[in-house]
Every structure is written in structure tokens, then in C-alpha cells.
N, C-alpha and C. Protein backbone atom coordinates (compact mmCIF):
# COMPACT_ATOMS: atom_id res chain seq x y z
N MET A 1 -28.16 -94.71 -185.00
CA MET A 1 -28.67 -93.89 -184.40
C MET A 1 -29.70 -94.03 -183.85
N ASP A 2 -29.99 -94.48 -182.35
CA ASP A 2 -31.16 -94.29 -181.81
C ASP A 2 -31.58 -93.02 -180.96
N VAL A 3 -32.43 -92.86 -180.32
CA VAL A 3 -33.13 -91.93 -179.59
C VAL A 3 -31.92 -91.72 -178.41
N LEU A 4 -31.36 -92.69 -177.61
CA LEU A 4 -30.70 -92.76 -176.50
C LEU A 4 -29.18 -91.94 -176.85
N ASP A 5 -28.63 -92.49 -178.16
CA ASP A 5 -27.50 -91.94 -178.75
C ASP A 5 -27.82 -90.50 -178.73
N LEU A 6 -28.91 -89.82 -179.60
CA LEU A 6 -29.22 -88.68 -179.78
C LEU A 6 -29.20 -87.77 -178.50
N LEU A 7 -29.99 -88.33 -177.57
CA LEU A 7 -29.86 -87.53 -176.25
C LEU A 7 -28.64 -87.63 -175.31
N ALA A 8 -27.56 -88.45 -175.71
CA ALA A 8 -26.36 -88.50 -174.93
C ALA A 8 -25.36 -87.71 -175.52
N GLU A 9 -25.88 -87.49 -176.96
CA GLU A 9 -24.82 -86.43 -177.42
C GLU A 9 -25.36 -85.16 -176.83
N PHE A 10 -26.98 -84.69 -176.86
CA PHE A 10 -27.18 -83.62 -176.70
C PHE A 10 -26.84 -83.09 -175.15
N GLY A 11 -26.91 -84.31 -174.35
CA GLY A 11 -26.46 -83.97 -173.19
C GLY A 11 -24.85 -83.57 -172.77
N SER A 12 -24.21 -84.20 -173.43
CA SER A 12 -22.58 -84.18 -173.69
C SER A 12 -22.21 -83.12 -174.32
N THR A 13 -22.83 -82.63 -175.50
CA THR A 13 -21.92 -81.48 -176.31
C THR A 13 -23.34 -80.38 -176.57
N GLY A 14 -24.45 -80.57 -175.94
CA GLY A 14 -25.49 -79.30 -176.49
C GLY A 14 -25.80 -79.53 -177.63
N ARG A 15 -25.75 -80.24 -178.50
CA ARG A 15 -25.69 -80.30 -180.03
C ARG A 15 -26.90 -81.33 -180.42
N VAL A 16 -27.84 -81.05 -181.39
CA VAL A 16 -28.53 -81.99 -182.12
C VAL A 16 -28.21 -81.95 -183.30
N GLY A 17 -27.21 -82.67 -183.89
CA GLY A 17 -26.65 -82.44 -185.28
C GLY A 17 -26.17 -81.19 -185.40
N SER A 18 -26.41 -80.38 -186.30
CA SER A 18 -25.47 -79.17 -186.68
C SER A 18 -26.14 -78.08 -185.69
N LEU A 19 -27.12 -78.28 -184.84
CA LEU A 19 -27.95 -77.31 -184.37
C LEU A 19 -27.31 -77.32 -183.02
N HIS A 20 -27.00 -76.06 -182.66
CA HIS A 20 -26.46 -75.70 -181.31
C HIS A 20 -26.56 -74.66 -180.72
N LEU A 21 -26.63 -74.14 -179.46
CA LEU A 21 -26.72 -72.89 -178.64
C LEU A 21 -25.60 -72.04 -179.32
N GLY A 22 -25.80 -70.89 -179.28
CA GLY A 22 -25.02 -69.67 -180.14
C GLY A 22 -24.69 -69.55 -181.33
N ALA A 23 -25.17 -70.58 -182.14
CA ALA A 23 -25.20 -70.59 -183.75
C ALA A 23 -25.85 -69.91 -184.35
N GLY A 24 -25.34 -69.14 -185.26
CA GLY A 24 -26.15 -68.09 -186.08
C GLY A 24 -27.21 -68.66 -186.93
N LEU A 25 -28.03 -68.18 -187.14
CA LEU A 25 -29.18 -69.18 -187.62
C LEU A 25 -28.90 -69.37 -189.60
N ARG A 26 -28.01 -69.05 -189.80
CA ARG A 26 -27.52 -69.44 -191.23
C ARG A 26 -26.74 -70.65 -191.21
N GLU A 27 -26.36 -71.06 -190.23
CA GLU A 27 -25.35 -72.25 -189.79
C GLU A 27 -26.45 -73.48 -190.41
N PRO A 28 -27.79 -73.30 -189.34
CA PRO A 28 -28.33 -74.68 -189.53
C PRO A 28 -29.32 -74.47 -191.09
N VAL A 29 -29.42 -73.18 -191.32
CA VAL A 29 -30.02 -73.49 -192.71
C VAL A 29 -29.22 -73.50 -193.72
N ALA A 30 -28.00 -73.40 -193.65
CA ALA A 30 -26.94 -74.20 -194.83
C ALA A 30 -27.28 -75.68 -194.74
N VAL A 31 -27.44 -76.30 -193.39
CA VAL A 31 -27.36 -77.92 -193.49
C VAL A 31 -28.88 -78.39 -193.76
N TYR A 32 -29.66 -77.86 -193.22
CA TYR A 32 -31.17 -78.32 -193.14
C TYR A 32 -32.12 -77.43 -194.20
N GLY A 33 -31.81 -76.31 -194.42
CA GLY A 33 -32.76 -75.63 -195.24
C GLY A 33 -33.58 -74.67 -194.06
N MET A 34 -34.54 -73.94 -194.96
CA MET A 34 -35.22 -73.12 -193.83
C MET A 34 -36.37 -73.77 -192.58
N PRO A 35 -36.17 -73.68 -191.33
CA PRO A 35 -36.88 -74.19 -190.61
C PRO A 35 -38.40 -74.04 -190.72
N TRP A 36 -39.33 -74.68 -190.00
CA TRP A 36 -40.21 -74.75 -189.77
C TRP A 36 -40.81 -73.33 -188.92
N ASP A 37 -41.69 -72.58 -189.19
CA ASP A 37 -41.93 -71.44 -188.50
C ASP A 37 -43.22 -71.74 -187.41
N ILE A 38 -42.55 -72.02 -186.33
CA ILE A 38 -43.95 -72.32 -185.20
C ILE A 38 -44.88 -70.95 -184.88
N GLY A 39 -43.87 -69.95 -184.59
CA GLY A 39 -44.48 -69.03 -184.25
C GLY A 39 -43.53 -67.83 -183.24
N ARG A 40 -44.26 -66.63 -183.07
CA ARG A 40 -43.72 -65.61 -181.95
C ARG A 40 -43.61 -66.32 -180.72
N ILE A 41 -42.78 -65.65 -180.01
CA ILE A 41 -42.93 -66.22 -178.28
C ILE A 41 -43.81 -65.03 -177.85
N ASP A 42 -43.85 -63.81 -178.04
CA ASP A 42 -44.55 -62.76 -177.93
C ASP A 42 -45.48 -62.37 -178.82
N LYS A 43 -46.70 -62.24 -179.01
CA LYS A 43 -47.49 -61.91 -180.24
C LYS A 43 -47.26 -60.33 -180.47
N ARG A 44 -46.67 -59.66 -179.52
CA ARG A 44 -46.29 -58.29 -180.06
C ARG A 44 -44.95 -58.08 -180.67
N HIS A 45 -44.32 -59.11 -180.65
CA HIS A 45 -42.96 -58.66 -181.16
C HIS A 45 -42.18 -60.00 -181.80
N ARG A 46 -41.85 -59.75 -183.24
CA ARG A 46 -41.20 -60.92 -183.61
C ARG A 46 -40.13 -61.74 -183.24
N TRP A 47 -39.55 -61.22 -182.31
CA TRP A 47 -38.05 -62.13 -181.78
C TRP A 47 -38.48 -61.76 -180.49
N PRO A 48 -37.85 -62.55 -179.78
CA PRO A 48 -37.34 -63.96 -180.02
C PRO A 48 -38.73 -64.89 -180.99
N HIS A 49 -38.33 -65.99 -181.71
CA HIS A 49 -39.07 -66.62 -182.46
C HIS A 49 -39.07 -68.22 -182.29
N LEU A 50 -39.76 -68.82 -182.26
CA LEU A 50 -39.69 -70.35 -182.28
C LEU A 50 -39.90 -71.09 -183.34
N TYR A 51 -38.83 -72.05 -183.69
CA TYR A 51 -38.79 -72.79 -185.00
C TYR A 51 -38.54 -74.35 -184.87
N SER A 52 -38.66 -74.88 -185.74
CA SER A 52 -38.28 -76.32 -185.57
C SER A 52 -37.52 -77.04 -186.61
N TYR A 53 -37.08 -77.93 -186.86
CA TYR A 53 -36.28 -78.92 -187.65
C TYR A 53 -37.32 -80.48 -187.34
N GLY A 54 -37.99 -80.88 -187.86
CA GLY A 54 -38.91 -82.25 -187.35
C GLY A 54 -39.54 -82.00 -186.09
N ASP A 55 -39.08 -82.61 -185.05
CA ASP A 55 -39.62 -82.54 -183.56
C ASP A 55 -38.61 -81.53 -182.63
N VAL A 56 -37.45 -81.18 -183.12
CA VAL A 56 -36.59 -80.43 -182.48
C VAL A 56 -36.76 -78.88 -182.58
N GLU A 57 -37.13 -78.33 -181.50
CA GLU A 57 -37.54 -77.11 -181.61
C GLU A 57 -36.33 -76.19 -181.02
N PHE A 58 -36.43 -74.85 -181.69
CA PHE A 58 -35.42 -73.94 -181.17
C PHE A 58 -35.83 -72.50 -180.98
N VAL A 59 -35.34 -71.70 -180.33
CA VAL A 59 -35.74 -70.18 -180.10
C VAL A 59 -34.51 -69.64 -180.76
N VAL A 60 -34.88 -68.56 -181.56
CA VAL A 60 -33.88 -67.39 -182.28
C VAL A 60 -34.15 -66.37 -181.80
N CYS A 61 -33.11 -65.40 -181.32
CA CYS A 61 -33.48 -63.94 -180.98
C CYS A 61 -33.36 -62.94 -182.20
N ARG A 62 -33.59 -61.96 -181.89
CA ARG A 62 -33.29 -60.89 -183.17
C ARG A 62 -32.20 -60.93 -183.56
N CYS A 63 -31.18 -61.31 -183.11
CA CYS A 63 -29.57 -61.45 -183.61
C CYS A 63 -29.47 -62.46 -184.19
N ARG A 64 -30.35 -63.30 -184.59
CA ARG A 64 -30.36 -64.51 -185.19
C ARG A 64 -29.23 -65.33 -184.73
N ILE A 65 -29.39 -65.67 -183.41
CA ILE A 65 -28.44 -66.81 -182.78
C ILE A 65 -29.66 -67.66 -182.10
N VAL A 66 -29.33 -68.86 -182.22
CA VAL A 66 -29.92 -70.30 -181.46
C VAL A 66 -29.80 -69.92 -179.83
N ALA A 67 -30.85 -69.67 -179.32
CA ALA A 67 -30.87 -69.06 -177.95
C ALA A 67 -31.18 -70.14 -177.00
N SER A 68 -32.08 -71.42 -177.44
CA SER A 68 -32.56 -72.19 -176.72
C SER A 68 -32.86 -73.62 -177.83
N ILE A 69 -32.95 -74.91 -177.13
CA ILE A 69 -32.94 -75.74 -178.09
C ILE A 69 -33.96 -77.11 -176.92
N THR A 70 -35.02 -77.40 -177.75
CA THR A 70 -35.72 -78.59 -177.04
C THR A 70 -35.75 -79.82 -177.85
N VAL A 71 -35.91 -80.79 -177.46
CA VAL A 71 -35.95 -82.10 -177.96
C VAL A 71 -37.31 -82.88 -176.88
N PRO A 72 -38.72 -82.50 -177.35
CA PRO A 72 -39.70 -83.22 -176.89
C PRO A 72 -39.86 -84.77 -177.16
N THR A 73 -40.11 -85.55 -176.12
CA THR A 73 -40.13 -86.80 -176.55
C THR A 73 -41.54 -87.49 -176.12
N TRP A 74 -42.44 -86.73 -175.50
CA TRP A 74 -43.68 -87.16 -174.99
C TRP A 74 -44.69 -87.47 -175.76
N ARG A 75 -44.30 -87.33 -177.23
CA ARG A 75 -45.25 -87.79 -178.31
C ARG A 75 -44.98 -89.62 -178.56
N GLY A 76 -43.95 -89.59 -178.22
CA GLY A 76 -43.63 -91.35 -178.42
C GLY A 76 -42.62 -91.16 -179.45
N THR A 77 -42.28 -90.23 -180.05
CA THR A 77 -41.56 -90.63 -181.29
C THR A 77 -40.64 -89.01 -181.77
N VAL A 78 -39.15 -88.91 -182.22
CA VAL A 78 -38.73 -87.81 -182.29
C VAL A 78 -38.32 -88.03 -183.76
N GLU A 79 -38.67 -86.91 -184.62
CA GLU A 79 -38.65 -86.80 -185.90
C GLU A 79 -37.06 -85.84 -185.81
N LEU A 80 -36.31 -86.27 -186.52
CA LEU A 80 -34.98 -85.43 -186.48
C LEU A 80 -34.32 -84.53 -187.48
N PRO A 81 -33.73 -83.41 -187.54
CA PRO A 81 -33.46 -82.76 -188.49
C PRO A 81 -32.87 -83.42 -189.68
N ARG A 82 -33.31 -82.96 -190.77
CA ARG A 82 -32.74 -83.76 -191.92
C ARG A 82 -32.04 -82.70 -192.81
N SER A 83 -30.91 -83.32 -193.25
CA SER A 83 -30.14 -82.15 -194.32
C SER A 83 -31.18 -82.24 -195.72
N ARG A 84 -30.74 -80.99 -196.29
CA ARG A 84 -31.28 -80.84 -197.80
C ARG A 84 -31.41 -81.82 -198.59
N MET A 85 -30.19 -82.81 -198.28
CA MET A 85 -30.13 -83.92 -199.57
C MET A 85 -30.84 -85.04 -199.16
N ALA A 86 -31.20 -85.17 -198.03
CA ALA A 86 -32.12 -86.24 -197.57
C ALA A 86 -33.48 -86.53 -198.30
N THR A 87 -33.73 -87.49 -198.42
CA THR A 87 -35.30 -87.78 -199.08
C THR A 87 -36.33 -88.04 -198.25
N ARG A 88 -36.23 -88.48 -196.92
CA ARG A 88 -37.26 -88.68 -195.72
C ARG A 88 -36.75 -88.15 -194.60
N ALA A 89 -37.60 -88.01 -193.72
CA ALA A 89 -36.99 -87.85 -192.17
C ALA A 89 -36.64 -89.00 -191.71
N VAL A 90 -35.95 -89.02 -190.32
CA VAL A 90 -35.60 -89.95 -189.66
C VAL A 90 -36.36 -89.90 -188.33
N THR A 91 -37.40 -90.91 -188.02
CA THR A 91 -38.22 -90.88 -186.93
C THR A 91 -37.87 -92.03 -185.90
N LEU A 92 -37.38 -91.53 -184.75
CA LEU A 92 -36.69 -92.47 -183.70
C LEU A 92 -37.85 -92.73 -182.55
N PRO A 93 -38.20 -94.15 -182.45
CA PRO A 93 -39.20 -94.30 -180.91
C PRO A 93 -38.26 -93.41 -179.90
N ALA A 94 -39.37 -92.94 -178.77
CA ALA A 94 -38.66 -91.90 -177.98
C ALA A 94 -39.28 -92.33 -176.62
N LYS A 95 -39.91 -93.45 -176.42
CA LYS A 95 -40.34 -93.76 -174.85
C LYS A 95 -39.08 -94.28 -174.50
N VAL A 96 -38.47 -93.46 -173.55
CA VAL A 96 -37.23 -94.11 -172.77
C VAL A 96 -37.37 -93.91 -171.48
N THR A 97 -36.79 -94.65 -170.46
CA THR A 97 -37.01 -94.15 -168.82
C THR A 97 -35.75 -93.77 -168.40
N TYR A 98 -35.71 -93.37 -167.31
CA TYR A 98 -35.07 -92.55 -166.72
C TYR A 98 -33.60 -93.38 -166.47
N GLY A 99 -34.18 -94.46 -166.09
CA GLY A 99 -32.63 -95.33 -166.20
C GLY A 99 -31.88 -95.72 -167.52
N GLN A 100 -32.68 -96.09 -168.42
CA GLN A 100 -32.07 -95.82 -169.97
C GLN A 100 -31.04 -94.61 -170.31
N VAL A 101 -31.88 -93.24 -169.88
CA VAL A 101 -31.04 -92.24 -170.25
C VAL A 101 -29.83 -92.20 -169.50
N THR A 102 -30.05 -92.41 -167.81
CA THR A 102 -28.98 -92.16 -166.90
C THR A 102 -27.94 -93.23 -167.68
N ASP A 103 -28.03 -94.17 -168.23
CA ASP A 103 -27.08 -95.15 -168.32
C ASP A 103 -26.44 -94.74 -169.71
N ALA A 104 -27.26 -94.17 -170.65
CA ALA A 104 -26.70 -93.70 -172.19
C ALA A 104 -25.93 -92.66 -171.58
N LEU A 105 -26.25 -91.51 -170.66
CA LEU A 105 -25.14 -90.47 -170.32
C LEU A 105 -23.82 -90.84 -169.86
N THR A 106 -24.36 -92.01 -168.97
CA THR A 106 -22.97 -92.61 -168.19
C THR A 106 -21.92 -93.27 -169.22
N ALA A 107 -22.61 -94.26 -170.09
CA ALA A 107 -21.73 -94.45 -171.16
C ALA A 107 -20.91 -93.80 -171.95
N ALA A 108 -21.82 -92.51 -172.35
CA ALA A 108 -20.96 -91.35 -173.20
C ALA A 108 -20.09 -90.62 -172.23
N ARG A 109 -19.79 -91.01 -170.97
CA ARG A 109 -18.76 -90.25 -170.06
C ARG A 109 -19.45 -88.78 -169.81
N CYS A 110 -20.73 -88.72 -169.80
CA CYS A 110 -21.33 -87.35 -169.77
C CYS A 110 -21.83 -87.48 -168.40
N PRO A 111 -21.22 -86.58 -167.36
CA PRO A 111 -21.43 -86.22 -166.36
C PRO A 111 -23.06 -85.68 -166.06
N TRP A 112 -23.72 -86.18 -165.02
CA TRP A 112 -25.18 -85.61 -164.72
C TRP A 112 -25.47 -85.85 -163.15
N GLU A 113 -26.58 -84.79 -162.99
CA GLU A 113 -26.74 -84.74 -161.46
C GLU A 113 -28.33 -84.55 -161.73
N PRO A 114 -28.79 -85.31 -160.62
CA PRO A 114 -30.45 -85.55 -160.42
C PRO A 114 -30.97 -83.99 -159.92
N LEU A 115 -32.06 -83.56 -160.20
CA LEU A 115 -32.71 -82.44 -159.90
C LEU A 115 -33.56 -82.77 -158.47
N PRO A 116 -33.76 -81.86 -157.94
CA PRO A 116 -34.42 -81.97 -156.62
C PRO A 116 -36.15 -82.31 -157.36
N GLY A 117 -36.56 -83.23 -156.67
CA GLY A 117 -38.04 -83.66 -157.45
C GLY A 117 -39.30 -82.73 -157.10
N ILE A 118 -39.90 -82.89 -157.76
CA ILE A 118 -41.54 -82.14 -157.41
C ILE A 118 -42.47 -83.22 -158.06
N PRO A 119 -43.56 -82.98 -157.17
CA PRO A 119 -44.54 -84.17 -157.57
C PRO A 119 -45.09 -84.37 -159.05
N GLY A 120 -44.80 -85.62 -159.57
CA GLY A 120 -45.26 -85.85 -160.93
C GLY A 120 -44.06 -85.75 -161.73
N GLN A 121 -43.19 -85.41 -160.98
CA GLN A 121 -41.81 -85.33 -162.12
C GLN A 121 -40.52 -85.77 -161.17
N ARG A 122 -39.45 -85.84 -162.37
CA ARG A 122 -38.17 -86.28 -161.70
C ARG A 122 -37.12 -85.52 -162.98
N GLY A 123 -36.16 -85.25 -162.66
CA GLY A 123 -35.22 -84.54 -163.30
C GLY A 123 -33.92 -84.98 -163.32
N LEU A 124 -32.93 -84.52 -164.42
CA LEU A 124 -31.47 -84.48 -163.94
C LEU A 124 -30.83 -83.53 -164.94
N ARG A 125 -29.73 -83.03 -165.08
CA ARG A 125 -29.08 -81.86 -165.51
C ARG A 125 -27.80 -82.46 -165.90
N THR A 126 -27.16 -81.80 -167.14
CA THR A 126 -25.99 -82.01 -167.42
C THR A 126 -25.51 -80.77 -167.89
N ARG A 127 -23.91 -80.48 -168.08
CA ARG A 127 -23.47 -79.23 -168.12
C ARG A 127 -22.26 -79.33 -169.07
N PRO A 128 -22.55 -79.59 -170.29
CA PRO A 128 -21.81 -79.34 -171.48
C PRO A 128 -20.84 -78.17 -171.49
N GLY A 129 -19.80 -77.58 -171.34
CA GLY A 129 -19.45 -76.31 -171.26
C GLY A 129 -19.95 -75.52 -170.24
N ARG A 130 -20.22 -74.19 -170.78
CA ARG A 130 -21.17 -73.52 -169.84
C ARG A 130 -22.42 -73.41 -169.83
N GLU A 131 -23.02 -74.24 -170.72
CA GLU A 131 -24.56 -74.47 -170.63
C GLU A 131 -24.92 -75.60 -169.94
N ARG A 132 -26.31 -75.59 -169.78
CA ARG A 132 -26.80 -76.86 -168.91
C ARG A 132 -28.24 -77.03 -169.73
N ILE A 133 -28.47 -78.44 -169.80
CA ILE A 133 -29.28 -79.40 -170.33
C ILE A 133 -30.03 -79.94 -169.40
N ASP A 134 -31.49 -79.87 -169.34
CA ASP A 134 -32.38 -80.61 -168.01
C ASP A 134 -33.07 -81.47 -169.24
N PHE A 135 -33.19 -82.62 -168.31
CA PHE A 135 -34.23 -83.79 -168.83
C PHE A 135 -35.14 -83.82 -167.94
N THR A 136 -36.25 -83.81 -168.41
CA THR A 136 -37.64 -83.77 -167.28
C THR A 136 -38.52 -85.27 -167.56
N PHE A 137 -38.83 -85.69 -166.76
CA PHE A 137 -39.44 -87.26 -166.83
C PHE A 137 -40.65 -87.05 -165.90
N THR A 138 -41.67 -87.80 -166.30
CA THR A 138 -43.04 -88.00 -165.66
C THR A 138 -42.80 -89.19 -164.67
N THR A 139 -43.14 -89.06 -163.64
CA THR A 139 -43.62 -90.32 -162.81
C THR A 139 -44.83 -90.86 -162.89
N ASP A 140 -45.93 -90.35 -163.03
CA ASP A 140 -47.18 -90.90 -163.24
C ASP A 140 -47.71 -91.93 -164.36
N ALA A 141 -46.81 -92.13 -165.04
CA ALA A 141 -47.17 -92.84 -166.37
C ALA A 141 -46.69 -94.62 -166.06
N GLY A 142 -46.24 -94.72 -165.15
CA GLY A 142 -45.89 -96.23 -164.94
C GLY A 142 -45.15 -96.48 -163.83
N PRO A 143 -44.08 -97.73 -163.64
CA PRO A 143 -43.22 -97.99 -162.76
C PRO A 143 -41.98 -97.30 -162.63
N GLU A 144 -41.46 -96.74 -163.97
CA GLU A 144 -40.27 -96.14 -164.06
C GLU A 144 -40.48 -94.73 -164.62
N PRO A 145 -40.05 -93.53 -164.42
CA PRO A 145 -40.06 -92.39 -164.81
C PRO A 145 -39.93 -92.28 -166.56
N LEU A 146 -40.57 -91.73 -167.11
CA LEU A 146 -40.69 -91.86 -168.66
C LEU A 146 -40.27 -90.04 -169.10
N LEU A 147 -39.07 -90.14 -169.91
CA LEU A 147 -38.69 -88.72 -170.34
C LEU A 147 -39.80 -88.16 -171.20
N HIS A 148 -40.09 -87.08 -170.71
CA HIS A 148 -40.91 -85.88 -171.39
C HIS A 148 -40.45 -85.21 -172.34
N GLY A 149 -39.11 -84.82 -172.14
CA GLY A 149 -38.09 -83.75 -173.08
C GLY A 149 -36.98 -83.39 -172.47
N ALA A 150 -36.04 -82.95 -173.23
CA ALA A 150 -34.85 -82.66 -172.74
C ALA A 150 -34.47 -81.16 -173.52
N GLY A 151 -34.18 -80.14 -172.68
CA GLY A 151 -33.93 -78.93 -173.08
C GLY A 151 -32.81 -78.08 -172.81
N THR A 152 -32.28 -77.12 -173.41
CA THR A 152 -31.44 -76.05 -172.60
C THR A 152 -32.12 -74.81 -171.96
N TRP A 153 -31.29 -74.26 -171.15
CA TRP A 153 -31.82 -72.94 -170.57
C TRP A 153 -31.46 -71.94 -171.82
N TYR A 154 -32.13 -70.79 -171.62
CA TYR A 154 -31.61 -69.47 -172.56
C TYR A 154 -30.17 -69.26 -172.52
N HIS A 155 -29.51 -69.41 -173.94
CA HIS A 155 -28.23 -69.08 -174.17
C HIS A 155 -27.87 -67.52 -173.81
N SER A 156 -27.04 -67.31 -172.82
CA SER A 156 -27.11 -66.04 -172.45
C SER A 156 -25.78 -65.58 -173.39
N HIS A 157 -26.31 -64.18 -173.99
CA HIS A 157 -25.24 -63.46 -174.95
C HIS A 157 -25.77 -61.96 -174.81
N GLU A 158 -24.95 -61.16 -175.64
CA GLU A 158 -25.28 -59.81 -175.77
C GLU A 158 -25.96 -59.72 -176.75
N CYS A 159 -27.34 -59.72 -176.73
CA CYS A 159 -28.07 -59.37 -178.04
C CYS A 159 -28.00 -57.76 -178.69
N ILE A 160 -28.01 -58.00 -179.95
CA ILE A 160 -27.80 -56.80 -180.82
C ILE A 160 -29.20 -55.77 -180.87
N SER A 161 -28.92 -54.60 -180.83
CA SER A 161 -30.07 -53.69 -180.57
C SER A 161 -31.06 -53.87 -181.81
N ALA A 162 -32.11 -53.42 -181.65
CA ALA A 162 -32.97 -53.45 -182.90
C ALA A 162 -32.73 -52.91 -184.27
N ALA A 163 -32.09 -51.99 -184.13
CA ALA A 163 -31.50 -50.77 -185.27
C ALA A 163 -30.44 -51.81 -185.66
N THR A 164 -29.73 -52.25 -185.11
CA THR A 164 -28.44 -53.37 -185.65
C THR A 164 -28.90 -54.58 -186.36
N ALA A 165 -29.79 -55.02 -185.81
CA ALA A 165 -30.25 -56.12 -186.50
C ALA A 165 -31.30 -55.83 -187.84
N ALA A 166 -31.89 -54.81 -187.65
CA ALA A 166 -32.68 -54.03 -188.96
C ALA A 166 -31.43 -53.83 -190.15
N ASP A 167 -30.55 -53.40 -189.81
CA ASP A 167 -29.22 -53.21 -190.92
C ASP A 167 -28.71 -54.39 -191.06
N ARG A 168 -28.59 -55.56 -190.37
CA ARG A 168 -27.67 -56.52 -190.62
C ARG A 168 -28.46 -57.73 -191.41
N PHE A 169 -29.84 -57.62 -190.96
CA PHE A 169 -30.64 -58.82 -191.50
C PHE A 169 -31.92 -58.04 -192.20
N SER A 170 -32.36 -58.61 -193.34
CA SER A 170 -33.41 -58.22 -194.06
C SER A 170 -34.55 -58.64 -193.17
N GLU A 171 -35.71 -57.79 -193.17
CA GLU A 171 -36.98 -58.20 -192.43
C GLU A 171 -37.47 -59.57 -192.72
N ASP A 172 -37.02 -60.13 -193.69
CA ASP A 172 -37.68 -61.39 -194.35
C ASP A 172 -36.88 -62.49 -193.96
N PHE A 173 -35.81 -62.39 -193.38
CA PHE A 173 -34.84 -63.47 -193.19
C PHE A 173 -35.12 -63.82 -191.71
N PRO A 174 -35.43 -65.24 -191.41
CA PRO A 174 -36.08 -65.76 -192.16
C PRO A 174 -37.51 -65.59 -192.44
N ASP A 175 -38.39 -65.96 -193.65
CA ASP A 175 -39.72 -65.34 -193.77
C ASP A 175 -40.70 -65.77 -193.06
N GLU A 176 -41.47 -64.89 -192.27
CA GLU A 176 -42.36 -65.36 -191.32
C GLU A 176 -43.59 -65.72 -192.00
N ARG A 177 -44.03 -66.79 -191.63
CA ARG A 177 -45.25 -67.52 -192.17
C ARG A 177 -46.52 -67.63 -191.25
N HIS A 178 -47.18 -66.71 -191.58
CA HIS A 178 -48.37 -66.69 -190.56
C HIS A 178 -49.49 -68.06 -190.57
N VAL A 179 -49.80 -68.72 -189.49
CA VAL A 179 -50.40 -69.92 -189.83
C VAL A 179 -51.84 -69.45 -189.40
């Protein structure tokens, strides 16, 4: 698998491995183990919360549903989520151009549409199911736009109340690590 395969799958299905919008947090934890705790979205509230597996970042709401997924590529490589059984991470080179991404999406029979341009950026969107995934490219890095990252919009769902969440989940799932 290369990064273009990963991006075409993400654009076509909204999935990065076993991670997908609307998944209960216990699903990816069963496959990948506990995620890396990046931190709170708002300092005053524990939820929503930002986590990652390798470089793949995701937001979880208080009902422990995966509400957003982002694959940043601006670092030049992408470390993928790895299963509990894996002995080492898979890291892929991630400097890909607009043309390479559109070719990969087209080859995967994934419909895409260009987004209106803004200075310094170019974008495209896919719509797997009811979701949408935006690919953002920088245009000031050379002759062809380079992918900066791909991500979902926030997953629309009926979030449970704080009281219901407190009854359903122990406050230590997952454990919050203060950095």
C-alpha cells in the first residue's frame, strides 16, 4: 500500500483502516489499542477530545463516537494506525500532488469535485455516503499543488447527554493523559 491507495480509500469510503466516522471508540481500540491522547478541543471540557493513531488524528465526542478524521500530509510522511499485533509502524512518504491524488481517486472510481480556490490553496471534495472529505493542497510550494491534508467534516449525530455518558462510560475510558 502506498499513500495514494490510502487516500483513495479514505476518499471513497471515509475509512482509514478500521477507523471510520460514527464508529464507537471501542471499535478502533479493539484493533489498535488505546489511542495517543492529543488533548481537549476546549480546555474547559473533556469532550470532544482529539486522539491519534500514528499521524491519523480523530475527534471523539462525549458519547465516544468518532466524529472527525484527519490525515495530515504536510510533514512529508504519514504513520498509519497499526494493529496491536504489529511490531512496527508503517510510515509512507506523503508528498503527493493534486494530479496524483485526482488520478488515484479516478482510478478508484471515486467521484470528486474541485472546490473554489482561495489564495495559496486548492481543494477537492469527495462524498462517500452522507459524509464529505476535503483534500487541501498548498499552491505556493512549487509548480504543482502539494497535498497538505485530507479530513472529514464533523459527523452529524445525536450526541447523548452528559448524564447518560456518565452512566454509560467510566470517566477513565479512555484515560486522559495530561502532557
